[in-house]
PDB file of N, CA and C in Angstrom:
ATOM      1  N   MET A   1       1.939 -35.686  83.873  1.00  0.00           N
ATOM      2  CA  MET A   1       2.582 -35.526  82.585  1.00  0.00           C
ATOM      3  C   MET A   1       3.946 -34.870  82.777  1.00  0.00           C
ATOM      4  N   VAL A   2       4.932 -35.404  82.125  1.00  0.00           N
ATOM      5  CA  VAL A   2       6.295 -34.916  82.259  1.00  0.00           C
ATOM      6  C   VAL A   2       6.556 -33.835  81.207  1.00  0.00           C
ATOM      7  N   ASP A   3       7.176 -32.752  81.655  1.00  0.00           N
ATOM      8  CA  ASP A   3       7.533 -31.666  80.737  1.00  0.00           C
ATOM      9  C   ASP A   3       8.811 -32.062  80.010  1.00  0.00           C
ATOM     10  N   LYS A   4       8.685 -32.313  78.718  1.00  0.00           N
ATOM     11  CA  LYS A   4       9.851 -32.694  77.925  1.00  0.00           C
ATOM     12  C   LYS A   4      10.505 -31.499  77.243  1.00  0.00           C
ATOM     13  N   GLY A   5      10.088 -30.282  77.610  1.00  0.00           N
ATOM     14  CA  GLY A   5      10.751 -29.091  77.105  1.00  0.00           C
ATOM     15  C   GLY A   5      10.309 -28.641  75.721  1.00  0.00           C
ATOM     16  N   THR A   6       9.298 -29.273  75.165  1.00  0.00           N
ATOM     17  CA  THR A   6       8.870 -28.945  73.804  1.00  0.00           C
ATOM     18  C   THR A   6       8.438 -27.489  73.688  1.00  0.00           C
ATOM     19  N   THR A   7       7.663 -27.027  74.659  1.00  0.00           N
ATOM     20  CA  THR A   7       7.172 -25.645  74.621  1.00  0.00           C
ATOM     21  C   THR A   7       8.338 -24.657  74.651  1.00  0.00           C
ATOM     22  N   ASP A   8       9.306 -24.921  75.535  1.00  0.00           N
ATOM     23  CA  ASP A   8      10.463 -24.029  75.628  1.00  0.00           C
ATOM     24  C   ASP A   8      11.266 -24.024  74.325  1.00  0.00           C
ATOM     25  N   LYS A   9      11.427 -25.197  73.728  1.00  0.00           N
ATOM     26  CA  LYS A   9      12.192 -25.266  72.477  1.00  0.00           C
ATOM     27  C   LYS A   9      11.487 -24.518  71.354  1.00  0.00           C
ATOM     28  N   LEU A  10      10.163 -24.675  71.263  1.00  0.00           N
ATOM     29  CA  LEU A  10       9.405 -23.965  70.225  1.00  0.00           C
ATOM     30  C   LEU A  10       9.428 -22.459  70.458  1.00  0.00           C
ATOM     31  N   LYS A  11       9.203 -22.054  71.702  1.00  0.00           N
ATOM     32  CA  LYS A  11       9.227 -20.638  72.043  1.00  0.00           C
ATOM     33  C   LYS A  11      10.612 -20.054  71.743  1.00  0.00           C
ATOM     34  N   GLY A  12      11.639 -20.809  72.084  1.00  0.00           N
ATOM     35  CA  GLY A  12      13.003 -20.350  71.835  1.00  0.00           C
ATOM     36  C   GLY A  12      13.301 -20.201  70.358  1.00  0.00           C
ATOM     37  N   SER A  13      12.842 -21.154  69.564  1.00  0.00           N
ATOM     38  CA  SER A  13      13.054 -21.063  68.118  1.00  0.00           C
ATOM     39  C   SER A  13      12.372 -19.825  67.546  1.00  0.00           C
ATOM     40  N   ALA A  14      11.166 -19.561  68.007  1.00  0.00           N
ATOM     41  CA  ALA A  14      10.428 -18.389  67.528  1.00  0.00           C
ATOM     42  C   ALA A  14      11.157 -17.101  67.907  1.00  0.00           C
ATOM     43  N   LYS A  15      11.592 -17.009  69.158  1.00  0.00           N
ATOM     44  CA  LYS A  15      12.306 -15.812  69.601  1.00  0.00           C
ATOM     45  C   LYS A  15      13.602 -15.624  68.819  1.00  0.00           C
ATOM     46  N   GLU A  16      14.296 -16.734  68.572  1.00  0.00           N
ATOM     47  CA  GLU A  16      15.563 -16.648  67.843  1.00  0.00           C
ATOM     48  C   GLU A  16      15.338 -16.118  66.426  1.00  0.00           C
ATOM     49  N   VAL A  17      14.288 -16.611  65.765  1.00  0.00           N
ATOM     50  CA  VAL A  17      13.978 -16.148  64.407  1.00  0.00           C
ATOM     51  C   VAL A  17      13.605 -14.666  64.425  1.00  0.00           C
ATOM     52  N   VAL A  18      12.749 -14.280  65.380  1.00  0.00           N
ATOM     53  CA  VAL A  18      12.358 -12.865  65.487  1.00  0.00           C
ATOM     54  C   VAL A  18      13.596 -11.999  65.720  1.00  0.00           C
ATOM     55  N   GLY A  19      14.470 -12.462  66.597  1.00  0.00           N
ATOM     56  CA  GLY A  19      15.706 -11.721  66.869  1.00  0.00           C
ATOM     57  C   GLY A  19      16.574 -11.585  65.635  1.00  0.00           C
ATOM     58  N   ASP A  20      16.669 -12.654  64.843  1.00  0.00           N
ATOM     59  CA  ASP A  20      17.437 -12.612  63.596  1.00  0.00           C
ATOM     60  C   ASP A  20      16.834 -11.620  62.614  1.00  0.00           C
ATOM     61  N   VAL A  21      15.527 -11.715  62.427  1.00  0.00           N
ATOM     62  CA  VAL A  21      14.842 -10.887  61.436  1.00  0.00           C
ATOM     63  C   VAL A  21      14.897  -9.405  61.812  1.00  0.00           C
ATOM     64  N   THR A  22      14.722  -9.122  63.095  1.00  0.00           N
ATOM     65  CA  THR A  22      14.673  -7.723  63.536  1.00  0.00           C
ATOM     66  C   THR A  22      16.043  -7.171  63.939  1.00  0.00           C
ATOM     67  N   GLY A  23      17.042  -8.033  63.993  1.00  0.00           N
ATOM     68  CA  GLY A  23      18.368  -7.584  64.428  1.00  0.00           C
ATOM     69  C   GLY A  23      18.450  -7.363  65.926  1.00  0.00           C
ATOM     70  N   ASP A  24      17.514  -7.934  66.667  1.00  0.00           N
ATOM     71  CA  ASP A  24      17.465  -7.795  68.125  1.00  0.00           C
ATOM     72  C   ASP A  24      18.276  -8.929  68.752  1.00  0.00           C
ATOM     73  N   ASN A  25      19.526  -8.613  69.081  1.00  0.00           N
ATOM     74  CA  ASN A  25      20.412  -9.643  69.637  1.00  0.00           C
ATOM     75  C   ASN A  25      19.940 -10.149  70.996  1.00  0.00           C
ATOM     76  N   LYS A  26      19.287  -9.275  71.778  1.00  0.00           N
ATOM     77  CA  LYS A  26      18.772  -9.709  73.079  1.00  0.00           C
ATOM     78  C   LYS A  26      17.674 -10.751  72.884  1.00  0.00           C
ATOM     79  N   LYS A  27      16.756 -10.502  71.956  1.00  0.00           N
ATOM     80  CA  LYS A  27      15.661 -11.452  71.685  1.00  0.00           C
ATOM     81  C   LYS A  27      16.239 -12.772  71.161  1.00  0.00           C
ATOM     82  N   LYS A  28      17.240 -12.682  70.300  1.00  0.00           N
ATOM     83  CA  LYS A  28      17.879 -13.895  69.769  1.00  0.00           C
ATOM     84  C   LYS A  28      18.524 -14.692  70.906  1.00  0.00           C
ATOM     85  N   ALA A  29      19.210 -14.002  71.812  1.00  0.00           N
ATOM     86  CA  ALA A  29      19.844 -14.672  72.953  1.00  0.00           C
ATOM     87  C   ALA A  29      18.799 -15.321  73.858  1.00  0.00           C
ATOM     88  N   GLU A  30      17.668 -14.623  74.061  1.00  0.00           N
ATOM     89  CA  GLU A  30      16.583 -15.211  74.860  1.00  0.00           C
ATOM     90  C   GLU A  30      16.086 -16.498  74.204  1.00  0.00           C
ATOM     91  N   GLY A  31      15.995 -16.478  72.889  1.00  0.00           N
ATOM     92  CA  GLY A  31      15.555 -17.663  72.156  1.00  0.00           C
ATOM     93  C   GLY A  31      16.511 -18.826  72.327  1.00  0.00           C
ATOM     94  N   ILE A  32      17.786 -18.525  72.226  1.00  0.00           N
ATOM     95  CA  ILE A  32      18.794 -19.576  72.397  1.00  0.00           C
ATOM     96  C   ILE A  32      18.726 -20.142  73.816  1.00  0.00           C
ATOM     97  N   LEU A  33      18.548 -19.246  74.793  1.00  0.00           N
ATOM     98  CA  LEU A  33      18.429 -19.689  76.193  1.00  0.00           C
ATOM     99  C   LEU A  33      17.191 -20.560  76.384  1.00  0.00           C
ATOM    100  N   ASP A  34      16.055 -20.130  75.819  1.00  0.00           N
ATOM    101  CA  ASP A  34      14.827 -20.923  75.941  1.00  0.00           C
ATOM    102  C   ASP A  34      14.998 -22.308  75.312  1.00  0.00           C
ATOM    103  N   LYS A  35      15.652 -22.359  74.155  1.00  0.00           N
ATOM    104  CA  LYS A  35      15.877 -23.665  73.514  1.00  0.00           C
ATOM    105  C   LYS A  35      16.775 -24.543  74.374  1.00  0.00           C
ATOM    106  N   THR A  36      17.769 -23.938  74.992  1.00  0.00           N
ATOM    107  CA  THR A  36      18.667 -24.703  75.866  1.00  0.00           C
ATOM    108  C   THR A  36      17.912 -25.234  77.080  1.00  0.00           C
ATOM    109  N   ILE A  37      17.076 -24.394  77.665  1.00  0.00           N
ATOM    110  CA  ILE A  37      16.254 -24.832  78.809  1.00  0.00           C
ATOM    111  C   ILE A  37      15.357 -25.994  78.390  1.00  0.00           C
ATOM    112  N   GLY A  38      14.770 -25.893  77.209  1.00  0.00           N
ATOM    113  CA  GLY A  38      13.931 -26.978  76.692  1.00  0.00           C
ATOM    114  C   GLY A  38      14.704 -28.271  76.532  1.00  0.00           C
ATOM    115  N   LYS A  39      15.927 -28.173  76.032  1.00  0.00           N
ATOM    116  CA  LYS A  39      16.758 -29.370  75.849  1.00  0.00           C
ATOM    117  C   LYS A  39      17.115 -29.990  77.199  1.00  0.00           C
ATOM    118  N   VAL A  40      17.428 -29.142  78.179  1.00  0.00           N
ATOM    119  CA  VAL A  40      17.747 -29.646  79.524  1.00  0.00           C
ATOM    120  C   VAL A  40      16.541 -30.381  80.108  1.00  0.00           C
ATOM    121  N   LYS A  41      15.345 -29.803  79.940  1.00  0.00           N
ATOM    122  CA  LYS A  41      14.130 -30.467  80.431  1.00  0.00           C
ATOM    123  C   LYS A  41      13.915 -31.803  79.725  1.00  0.00           C
ATOM    124  N   GLU A  42      14.202 -31.841  78.435  1.00  0.00           N
ATOM    125  CA  GLU A  42      14.049 -33.086  77.674  1.00  0.00           C
ATOM    126  C   GLU A  42      14.992 -34.168  78.211  1.00  0.00           C
ATOM    127  N   VAL A  43      16.248 -33.798  78.409  1.00  0.00           N
ATOM    128  CA  VAL A  43      17.234 -34.763  78.919  1.00  0.00           C
ATOM    129  C   VAL A  43      16.860 -35.216  80.324  1.00  0.00           C
ATOM    130  N   ALA A  44      16.427 -34.279  81.170  1.00  0.00           N
ATOM    131  CA  ALA A  44      16.036 -34.642  82.539  1.00  0.00           C
ATOM    132  C   ALA A  44      14.851 -35.604  82.527  1.00  0.00           C
ATOM    133  N   ALA A  45      13.891 -35.361  81.654  1.00  0.00           N
ATOM    134  CA  ALA A  45      12.726 -36.249  81.560  1.00  0.00           C
ATOM    135  C   ALA A  45      13.145 -37.634  81.079  1.00  0.00           C
ATOM    136  N   ASP A  46      14.076 -37.679  80.125  1.00  0.00           N
ATOM    137  CA  ASP A  46      14.561 -38.967  79.626  1.00  0.00           C
ATOM    138  C   ASP A  46      15.293 -39.741  80.722  1.00  0.00           C
ATOM    139  N   ILE A  47      16.102 -39.029  81.511  1.00  0.00           N
ATOM    140  CA  ILE A  47      16.824 -39.679  82.614  1.00  0.00           C
ATOM    141  C   ILE A  47      15.834 -40.206  83.651  1.00  0.00           C
ATOM    142  N   LYS A  48      14.829 -39.392  83.967  1.00  0.00           N
ATOM    143  CA  LYS A  48      13.813 -39.820  84.948  1.00  0.00           C
ATOM    144  C   LYS A  48      13.093 -41.064  84.446  1.00  0.00           C
ATOM    145  N   GLU A  49      12.715 -41.048  83.189  1.00  0.00           N
ATOM    146  CA  GLU A  49      12.002 -42.187  82.606  1.00  0.00           C
ATOM    147  C   GLU A  49      12.873 -43.453  82.626  1.00  0.00           C
ATOM    148  N   ALA A  50      14.138 -43.302  82.273  1.00  0.00           N
ATOM    149  CA  ALA A  50      15.042 -44.453  82.257  1.00  0.00           C
ATOM    150  C   ALA A  50      15.255 -45.010  83.667  1.00  0.00           C
ATOM    151  N   SER A  51      15.376 -44.108  84.646  1.00  0.00           N
ATOM    152  CA  SER A  51      15.591 -44.591  86.017  1.00  0.00           C
ATOM    153  C   SER A  51      14.327 -45.266  86.557  1.00  0.00           C
ATOM    154  N   GLU A  52      13.154 -44.745  86.209  1.00  0.00           N
ATOM    155  CA  GLU A  52      11.917 -45.401  86.632  1.00  0.00           C
ATOM    156  C   GLU A  52      11.788 -46.782  86.000  1.00  0.00           C
ATOM    157  N   ASP A  53      12.172 -46.899  84.740  1.00  0.00           N
ATOM    158  CA  ASP A  53      12.146 -48.201  84.069  1.00  0.00           C
ATOM    159  C   ASP A  53      13.112 -49.178  84.743  1.00  0.00           C
ATOM    160  N   ALA A  54      14.285 -48.678  85.112  1.00  0.00           N
ATOM    161  CA  ALA A  54      15.270 -49.537  85.775  1.00  0.00           C
ATOM    162  C   ALA A  54      14.742 -50.020  87.116  1.00  0.00           C
ATOM    163  N   VAL A  55      14.093 -49.146  87.868  1.00  0.00           N
ATOM    164  CA  VAL A  55      13.517 -49.534  89.168  1.00  0.00           C
ATOM    165  C   VAL A  55      12.448 -50.603  88.965  1.00  0.00           C
ATOM    166  N   GLU A  56      11.600 -50.423  87.965  1.00  0.00           N
ATOM    167  CA  GLU A  56      10.563 -51.423  87.685  1.00  0.00           C
ATOM    168  C   GLU A  56      11.181 -52.771  87.317  1.00  0.00           C
ATOM    169  N   ASP A  57      12.243 -52.743  86.524  1.00  0.00           N
ATOM    170  CA  ASP A  57      12.914 -53.993  86.153  1.00  0.00           C
ATOM    171  C   ASP A  57      13.451 -54.715  87.384  1.00  0.00           C
ATOM    172  N   VAL A  58      14.059 -53.969  88.290  1.00  0.00           N
ATOM    173  CA  VAL A  58      14.599 -54.568  89.516  1.00  0.00           C
ATOM    174  C   VAL A  58      13.467 -55.154  90.351  1.00  0.00           C
ATOM    175  N   LYS A  59      12.367 -54.409  90.475  1.00  0.00           N
ATOM    176  CA  LYS A  59      11.221 -54.910  91.241  1.00  0.00           C
ATOM    177  C   LYS A  59      10.685 -56.213  90.648  1.00  0.00           C
ATOM    178  N   GLU A  60      10.577 -56.245  89.324  1.00  0.00           N
ATOM    179  CA  GLU A  60      10.083 -57.456  88.665  1.00  0.00           C
ATOM    180  C   GLU A  60      11.017 -58.634  88.903  1.00  0.00           C
ATOM    181  N   LYS A  61      12.315 -58.402  88.848  1.00  0.00           N
ATOM    182  CA  LYS A  61      13.283 -59.477  89.074  1.00  0.00           C
ATOM    183  C   LYS A  61      13.210 -59.968  90.516  1.00  0.00           C
ATOM    184  N   LEU A  62      13.039 -59.036  91.452  1.00  0.00           N
ATOM    185  CA  LEU A  62      12.928 -59.438  92.852  1.00  0.00           C
ATOM    186  C   LEU A  62      11.665 -60.258  93.082  1.00  0.00           C
ATOM    187  N   GLU A  63      10.561 -59.841  92.483  1.00  0.00           N
ATOM    188  CA  GLU A  63       9.300 -60.587  92.605  1.00  0.00           C
ATOM    189  C   GLU A  63       9.449 -61.978  91.992  1.00  0.00           C
ATOM    190  N   HIS A  64      10.128 -62.076  90.879  1.00  0.00           N
ATOM    191  CA  HIS A  64      10.310 -63.339  90.193  1.00  0.00           C
ATOM    192  C   HIS A  64      11.156 -64.304  91.038  1.00  0.00           C
ATOM    193  N   HIS A  65      12.168 -63.742  91.742  1.00  0.00           N
ATOM    194  CA  HIS A  65      13.028 -64.584  92.567  1.00  0.00           C
ATOM    195  C   HIS A  65      12.352 -65.025  93.855  1.00  0.00           C
ATOM    196  N   LYS A  66      11.327 -64.304  94.294  1.00  0.00           N
ATOM    197  CA  LYS A  66      10.595 -64.683  95.513  1.00  0.00           C
ATOM    198  C   LYS A  66       9.746 -65.915  95.291  1.00  0.00           C
ATOM    199  N   LYS A  67       9.342 -66.153  94.058  1.00  0.00           N
ATOM    200  CA  LYS A  67       8.436 -67.270  93.752  1.00  0.00           C
ATOM    201  C   LYS A  67       9.133 -68.589  93.722  1.00  0.00           C
TER     202      LYS A  67
END
């Protein structure tokens, strides 16, 4: 299973809200960082998925041309 960063984004959103409500700028910054990490994981997973799909397409085309 690929980590799409959902947990990090949710955790980050929660920390950011807690930081806002309590006036804890450090907690808010941690939340923003966690959300950013989650987004990076999401983009990386999307890139990995797209590249795997591209490899499969090439393999299928090569198999088709062998016949």
